[in-house]
Structures are given as structure tokens and as C-alpha cells.
Amino acid sequence: MTYVILGSGGHTAEMGRLTQALLQQEDATKAASYQPIRFILASSDSTSEQHLRQLLPKQATKAEFIQVPRSRSVGQSWLSSIFTTLWALLWSCYLVWRDRPQLVLCNGPGTCVPFCYAAFLWRCMGRLPSKSRIVFVESFCRVESLSLSGRLLLPLADLFVVHWPSLATRYSHKSNLRYFGRIL
């Protein structure tokens, strides 16, 4: 099972292109190994599911969309976001425990942070197999610095992908950070 974490707007567009590439590999066996896919989106996100359903290839028609509590809303105070983030983390821990995803793929919306921490936690505790992976693809718009989500997840992501050589150079001391050129 694969978890693909969606954010609104540009995050969903980027994840749509990444998911298309994942599912349209020449080797059908590899593409099938990522199935089933569960798309995780914030309960307040009203457009991502519609947008992504239009982009998905035929083989992903059985994909599920799961709405979860948002960690932090735009403009929400930092103090109140502590409580909403803890609530989102509890949800994430439950879903990751239940589904045991082999891959958590995300690109920076705040919704992804609790899921990555939950997957990391359950893998450390043996609930997820050691071969399960957390892959974070920094948003294409992050040219000179990492997003807040990126800074929080860089220490625990198995693979952290950046789109710009300046970021790769700046964080060259991080063994999990990779630059592959333009992937979107």
C-alpha cells in the first residue's frame, strides 16, 4: 500500500504528476507494487480529489481518498495549532497502524508531517517493515530554502528530493537528500 499525501493547489498538481509517473512505468509489475493507493487530504480541502481523479491513469481507479484533520490552517495561531497538530498526529498514528503503508510519498503540505512522523514511529517500533519508505519531494517552488515541512522531515525521510541544484549544494552534507534534475 502507498500513501500519497495531498495539499491544496500546487501541491496536488505536483503530486498528480508524480503519481502518474509512478503508475505509468514500463514495468507493470513495479507499477502494481505501489497499489493500492490511498490519497490523504485535509478535510477542508474541497478541490484536490476532483483534480486528481482527472489526472489518474486507468489503473488507479480503485484509489481511495481519505480525509483527515488538518494540522494547521492558513492564518491559524501557533498556540492553537499545537492542539490541531496533536489531533492530526493521533489520526495519522491510527491510520498508519491500520494500513501499514510500504511507501509514504509527500511534497510539503502540513498534512504530511504527522503521517511521516507516524510512519517513522511505527517503523521504529516494528509495526511497519524496515523496508517501508518515507519519500519527501520538496515543492518545485522552493528554490533557495526548504519549507517548514521540509525542515521538519529532512532528519527522518528515507529519501528527500529537491528540484534545484542550489538546494542540493546547500544541504550536500545530508546523506538522504538527492537532486535528480527536473522531475516535474
C-alpha atoms as a PDB file:
ATOM      1  CA  MET A   1       0.000   0.000   0.000  1.00  0.00           C
ATOM      2  CA  THR A   2       1.073   3.535  -0.774  1.00  0.00           C
ATOM      3  CA  TYR A   3       0.026   6.730   0.964  1.00  0.00           C
ATOM      4  CA  VAL A   4       0.156   9.848  -1.200  1.00  0.00           C
ATOM      5  CA  ILE A   5      -0.353  12.977   0.881  1.00  0.00           C
ATOM      6  CA  LEU A   6      -2.111  15.818  -0.910  1.00  0.00           C
ATOM      7  CA  GLY A   7      -2.166  19.519  -0.193  1.00  0.00           C
ATOM      8  CA  SER A   8      -4.246  22.100  -1.927  1.00  0.00           C
ATOM      9  CA  GLY A   9      -3.353  23.924  -5.124  1.00  0.00           C
ATOM     10  CA  GLY A  10       0.177  23.433  -6.406  1.00  0.00           C
ATOM     11  CA  HIS A  11       0.949  20.597  -4.016  1.00  0.00           C
ATOM     12  CA  THR A  12      -1.836  18.492  -5.526  1.00  0.00           C
ATOM     13  CA  ALA A  13      -0.764  19.311  -9.081  1.00  0.00           C
ATOM     14  CA  GLU A  14       2.805  18.210  -8.309  1.00  0.00           C
ATOM     15  CA  MET A  15       1.646  15.014  -6.587  1.00  0.00           C
ATOM     16  CA  GLY A  16      -0.613  14.278  -9.541  1.00  0.00           C
ATOM     17  CA  ARG A  17       2.370  14.344 -11.900  1.00  0.00           C
ATOM     18  CA  LEU A  18       4.467  12.231  -9.508  1.00  0.00           C
ATOM     19  CA  THR A  19       1.670   9.680  -9.104  1.00  0.00           C
ATOM     20  CA  GLN A  20       1.197   9.473 -12.875  1.00  0.00           C
ATOM     21  CA  ALA A  21       4.902   8.727 -13.295  1.00  0.00           C
ATOM     22  CA  LEU A  22       4.770   6.141 -10.520  1.00  0.00           C
ATOM     23  CA  LEU A  23       1.850   4.277 -12.081  1.00  0.00           C
ATOM     24  CA  GLN A  24       2.850   4.554 -15.730  1.00  0.00           C
ATOM     25  CA  GLN A  25       6.154   2.737 -15.503  1.00  0.00           C
ATOM     26  CA  GLU A  26       7.107   0.426 -18.358  1.00  0.00           C
ATOM     27  CA  ASP A  27       7.398  -2.471 -15.943  1.00  0.00           C
ATOM     28  CA  ALA A  28       3.780  -3.248 -14.993  1.00  0.00           C
ATOM     29  CA  THR A  29       4.955  -5.308 -12.021  1.00  0.00           C
ATOM     30  CA  LYS A  30       6.685  -2.287 -10.491  1.00  0.00           C
ATOM     31  CA  ALA A  31       3.641  -0.087 -11.066  1.00  0.00           C
ATOM     32  CA  ALA A  32       1.407  -2.725  -9.442  1.00  0.00           C
ATOM     33  CA  SER A  33       3.661  -2.920  -6.390  1.00  0.00           C
ATOM     34  CA  TYR A  34       2.532   0.579  -5.393  1.00  0.00           C
ATOM     35  CA  GLN A  35      -1.145  -0.456  -5.380  1.00  0.00           C
ATOM     36  CA  PRO A  36      -3.443   0.080  -3.642  1.00  0.00           C
ATOM     37  CA  ILE A  37      -3.013   3.804  -3.254  1.00  0.00           C
ATOM     38  CA  ARG A  38      -4.654   5.842  -0.561  1.00  0.00           C
ATOM     39  CA  PHE A  39      -4.668   9.567  -1.141  1.00  0.00           C
ATOM     40  CA  ILE A  40      -4.688  11.521   2.113  1.00  0.00           C
ATOM     41  CA  LEU A  41      -6.134  15.018   2.070  1.00  0.00           C
ATOM     42  CA  ALA A  42      -7.236  17.546   4.652  1.00  0.00           C
ATOM     43  CA  SER A  43     -10.935  17.528   5.464  1.00  0.00           C
ATOM     44  CA  SER A  44     -11.132  21.206   4.498  1.00  0.00           C
ATOM     45  CA  ASP A  45      -9.653  20.553   1.032  1.00  0.00           C
ATOM     46  CA  SER A  46     -12.570  20.648  -1.391  1.00  0.00           C
ATOM     47  CA  THR A  47     -10.771  20.504  -4.744  1.00  0.00           C
ATOM     48  CA  SER A  48      -7.831  18.080  -4.610  1.00  0.00           C
ATOM     49  CA  GLU A  49      -9.852  14.893  -5.050  1.00  0.00           C
ATOM     50  CA  GLN A  50     -11.649  16.188  -8.143  1.00  0.00           C
ATOM     51  CA  HIS A  51      -8.424  17.472  -9.668  1.00  0.00           C
ATOM     52  CA  LEU A  52      -6.512  14.257  -9.042  1.00  0.00           C
ATOM     53  CA  ARG A  53      -9.251  11.948 -10.329  1.00  0.00           C
ATOM     54  CA  GLN A  54      -8.955  13.706 -13.692  1.00  0.00           C
ATOM     55  CA  LEU A  55      -5.195  13.107 -13.808  1.00  0.00           C
ATOM     56  CA  LEU A  56      -5.071   9.484 -12.658  1.00  0.00           C
ATOM     57  CA  PRO A  57      -4.402   6.717 -15.145  1.00  0.00           C
ATOM     58  CA  LYS A  58      -6.967   3.939 -15.537  1.00  0.00           C
ATOM     59  CA  GLN A  59      -5.061   1.510 -13.302  1.00  0.00           C
ATOM     60  CA  ALA A  60      -5.566   3.813 -10.311  1.00  0.00           C
ATOM     61  CA  THR A  61      -9.354   3.914 -10.489  1.00  0.00           C
ATOM     62  CA  LYS A  62      -9.573   1.917  -7.259  1.00  0.00           C
ATOM     63  CA  ALA A  63      -7.627   4.557  -5.386  1.00  0.00           C
ATOM     64  CA  GLU A  64      -9.194   5.701  -2.137  1.00  0.00           C
ATOM     65  CA  PHE A  65      -9.347   9.241  -0.820  1.00  0.00           C
ATOM     66  CA  ILE A  66      -9.221   9.659   2.945  1.00  0.00           C
ATOM     67  CA  GLN A  67      -9.999  12.983   4.570  1.00  0.00           C
ATOM     68  CA  VAL A  68      -8.123  13.735   7.778  1.00  0.00           C
ATOM     69  CA  PRO A  69      -7.934  16.660  10.210  1.00  0.00           C
ATOM     70  CA  ARG A  70      -5.674  19.490   9.061  1.00  0.00           C
ATOM     71  CA  SER A  71      -2.579  20.088  11.192  1.00  0.00           C
ATOM     72  CA  ARG A  72      -2.660  23.837  10.808  1.00  0.00           C
ATOM     73  CA  SER A  73      -4.889  26.093   8.757  1.00  0.00           C
ATOM     74  CA  VAL A  74      -3.562  29.138   6.971  1.00  0.00           C
ATOM     75  CA  GLY A  75      -3.576  32.036   9.418  1.00  0.00           C
ATOM     76  CA  GLN A  76      -4.162  29.818  12.450  1.00  0.00           C
ATOM     77  CA  SER A  77      -2.315  30.923  15.590  1.00  0.00           C
ATOM     78  CA  TRP A  78       0.762  28.952  16.557  1.00  0.00           C
ATOM     79  CA  LEU A  79      -0.669  28.240  20.002  1.00  0.00           C
ATOM     80  CA  SER A  80      -3.903  26.697  18.745  1.00  0.00           C
ATOM     81  CA  SER A  81      -2.013  24.803  16.037  1.00  0.00           C
ATOM     82  CA  ILE A  82      -0.332  22.753  18.782  1.00  0.00           C
ATOM     83  CA  PHE A  83      -3.680  21.147  19.579  1.00  0.00           C
ATOM     84  CA  THR A  84      -4.810  20.659  15.989  1.00  0.00           C
ATOM     85  CA  THR A  85      -1.440  19.120  15.130  1.00  0.00           C
ATOM     86  CA  LEU A  86      -1.691  16.692  18.047  1.00  0.00           C
ATOM     87  CA  TRP A  87      -5.195  15.709  16.898  1.00  0.00           C
ATOM     88  CA  ALA A  88      -3.888  15.184  13.347  1.00  0.00           C
ATOM     89  CA  LEU A  89      -0.997  13.108  14.730  1.00  0.00           C
ATOM     90  CA  LEU A  90      -3.415  10.824  16.593  1.00  0.00           C
ATOM     91  CA  TRP A  91      -5.392  10.283  13.388  1.00  0.00           C
ATOM     92  CA  SER A  92      -2.168   9.632  11.475  1.00  0.00           C
ATOM     93  CA  CYS A  93      -0.921   7.119  14.034  1.00  0.00           C
ATOM     94  CA  TYR A  94      -4.203   5.232  13.834  1.00  0.00           C
ATOM     95  CA  LEU A  95      -4.313   5.148  10.018  1.00  0.00           C
ATOM     96  CA  VAL A  96      -0.667   4.142   9.630  1.00  0.00           C
ATOM     97  CA  TRP A  97      -1.132   1.442  12.300  1.00  0.00           C
ATOM     98  CA  ARG A  98      -4.223   0.138  10.487  1.00  0.00           C
ATOM     99  CA  ASP A  99      -2.971   0.268   6.888  1.00  0.00           C
ATOM    100  CA  ARG A 100       0.780  -0.349   7.275  1.00  0.00           C
ATOM    101  CA  PRO A 101       1.818   1.579   4.126  1.00  0.00           C
ATOM    102  CA  GLN A 102       5.037   0.500   2.424  1.00  0.00           C
ATOM    103  CA  LEU A 103       5.541   3.976   0.952  1.00  0.00           C
ATOM    104  CA  VAL A 104       4.566   7.421   2.217  1.00  0.00           C
ATOM    105  CA  LEU A 105       5.010   9.919  -0.616  1.00  0.00           C
ATOM    106  CA  CYS A 106       4.593  13.629   0.044  1.00  0.00           C
ATOM    107  CA  ASN A 107       5.705  17.038  -1.128  1.00  0.00           C
ATOM    108  CA  GLY A 108       5.290  19.530   1.633  1.00  0.00           C
ATOM    109  CA  PRO A 109       1.772  20.302   2.753  1.00  0.00           C
ATOM    110  CA  GLY A 110       1.424  20.467   6.521  1.00  0.00           C
ATOM    111  CA  THR A 111      -0.905  17.466   6.362  1.00  0.00           C
ATOM    112  CA  CYS A 112       2.080  15.242   5.544  1.00  0.00           C
ATOM    113  CA  VAL A 113       4.105  15.986   8.686  1.00  0.00           C
ATOM    114  CA  PRO A 114       2.036  13.899  11.147  1.00  0.00           C
ATOM    115  CA  PHE A 115       1.862  10.997   8.674  1.00  0.00           C
ATOM    116  CA  CYS A 116       5.615  10.919   8.191  1.00  0.00           C
ATOM    117  CA  TYR A 117       6.231  11.032  11.934  1.00  0.00           C
ATOM    118  CA  ALA A 118       3.642   8.286  12.494  1.00  0.00           C
ATOM    119  CA  ALA A 119       5.244   6.077   9.823  1.00  0.00           C
ATOM    120  CA  PHE A 120       8.692   6.697  11.297  1.00  0.00           C
ATOM    121  CA  LEU A 121       7.446   5.901  14.797  1.00  0.00           C
ATOM    122  CA  TRP A 122       5.691   2.652  13.808  1.00  0.00           C
ATOM    123  CA  ARG A 123       8.692   1.542  11.751  1.00  0.00           C
ATOM    124  CA  CYS A 124      10.994   2.109  14.745  1.00  0.00           C
ATOM    125  CA  MET A 125       8.590   0.112  16.905  1.00  0.00           C
ATOM    126  CA  GLY A 126       8.371  -2.752  14.390  1.00  0.00           C
ATOM    127  CA  ARG A 127       4.767  -2.228  13.243  1.00  0.00           C
ATOM    128  CA  LEU A 128       5.932  -1.269   9.752  1.00  0.00           C
ATOM    129  CA  PRO A 129       8.544  -3.379   7.992  1.00  0.00           C
ATOM    130  CA  SER A 130      12.051  -1.969   7.888  1.00  0.00           C
ATOM    131  CA  LYS A 131      11.807  -1.764   4.080  1.00  0.00           C
ATOM    132  CA  SER A 132       8.917   0.741   4.241  1.00  0.00           C
ATOM    133  CA  ARG A 133       9.965   4.171   2.989  1.00  0.00           C
ATOM    134  CA  ILE A 134       9.178   7.831   3.549  1.00  0.00           C
ATOM    135  CA  VAL A 135       9.871   9.889   0.431  1.00  0.00           C
ATOM    136  CA  PHE A 136       9.613  13.666   0.610  1.00  0.00           C
ATOM    137  CA  VAL A 137       9.782  15.661  -2.622  1.00  0.00           C
ATOM    138  CA  GLU A 138      10.291  19.333  -1.816  1.00  0.00           C
ATOM    139  CA  SER A 139       7.928  21.610  -3.676  1.00  0.00           C
ATOM    140  CA  PHE A 140       9.206  22.851  -7.028  1.00  0.00           C
ATOM    141  CA  CYS A 141       8.794  26.455  -5.885  1.00  0.00           C
ATOM    142  CA  ARG A 142      11.366  26.048  -3.084  1.00  0.00           C
ATOM    143  CA  VAL A 143      14.480  27.388  -4.799  1.00  0.00           C
ATOM    144  CA  GLU A 144      16.662  28.798  -2.025  1.00  0.00           C
ATOM    145  CA  SER A 145      15.377  27.346   1.227  1.00  0.00           C
ATOM    146  CA  LEU A 146      13.427  24.349   2.487  1.00  0.00           C
ATOM    147  CA  SER A 147       9.799  24.639   3.504  1.00  0.00           C
ATOM    148  CA  LEU A 148       8.862  24.277   7.169  1.00  0.00           C
ATOM    149  CA  SER A 149       7.606  20.761   6.407  1.00  0.00           C
ATOM    150  CA  GLY A 150      10.883  20.020   4.669  1.00  0.00           C
ATOM    151  CA  ARG A 151      12.941  21.197   7.631  1.00  0.00           C
ATOM    152  CA  LEU A 152      10.827  19.062   9.979  1.00  0.00           C
ATOM    153  CA  LEU A 153      11.052  15.945   7.797  1.00  0.00           C
ATOM    154  CA  LEU A 154      14.626  16.104   6.487  1.00  0.00           C
ATOM    155  CA  PRO A 155      16.009  14.202   9.520  1.00  0.00           C
ATOM    156  CA  LEU A 156      13.623  11.246   9.138  1.00  0.00           C
ATOM    157  CA  ALA A 157      12.835  10.929   5.421  1.00  0.00           C
ATOM    158  CA  ASP A 158      14.494   7.978   3.721  1.00  0.00           C
ATOM    159  CA  LEU A 159      14.716   9.974   0.507  1.00  0.00           C
ATOM    160  CA  PHE A 160      14.457  13.768   0.354  1.00  0.00           C
ATOM    161  CA  VAL A 161      14.336  15.143  -3.198  1.00  0.00           C
ATOM    162  CA  VAL A 162      14.991  18.758  -4.191  1.00  0.00           C
ATOM    163  CA  HIS A 163      14.471  20.305  -7.631  1.00  0.00           C
ATOM    164  CA  TRP A 164      17.204  22.922  -7.626  1.00  0.00           C
ATOM    165  CA  PRO A 165      20.997  22.488  -7.587  1.00  0.00           C
ATOM    166  CA  SER A 166      21.395  25.390  -5.148  1.00  0.00           C
ATOM    167  CA  LEU A 167      19.412  23.458  -2.515  1.00  0.00           C
ATOM    168  CA  ALA A 168      21.365  20.285  -3.223  1.00  0.00           C
ATOM    169  CA  THR A 169      24.613  22.191  -2.704  1.00  0.00           C
ATOM    170  CA  ARG A 170      23.376  23.904   0.443  1.00  0.00           C
ATOM    171  CA  TYR A 171      22.377  20.573   2.014  1.00  0.00           C
ATOM    172  CA  SER A 172      25.075  18.368   0.470  1.00  0.00           C
ATOM    173  CA  HIS A 173      26.051  17.129   3.949  1.00  0.00           C
ATOM    174  CA  LYS A 174      22.682  15.332   4.280  1.00  0.00           C
ATOM    175  CA  SER A 175      23.026  11.737   3.072  1.00  0.00           C
ATOM    176  CA  ASN A 176      19.310  11.294   2.320  1.00  0.00           C
ATOM    177  CA  LEU A 177      18.997  14.429   0.141  1.00  0.00           C
ATOM    178  CA  ARG A 178      19.087  13.950  -3.643  1.00  0.00           C
ATOM    179  CA  TYR A 179      18.913  16.174  -6.690  1.00  0.00           C
ATOM    180  CA  PHE A 180      17.886  14.396  -9.889  1.00  0.00           C
ATOM    181  CA  GLY A 181      17.363  17.455 -12.045  1.00  0.00           C
ATOM    182  CA  ARG A 182      13.889  18.488 -13.055  1.00  0.00           C
ATOM    183  CA  ILE A 183      11.463  15.677 -12.239  1.00  0.00           C
ATOM    184  CA  LEU A 184       8.176  17.579 -12.617  1.00  0.00           C
END
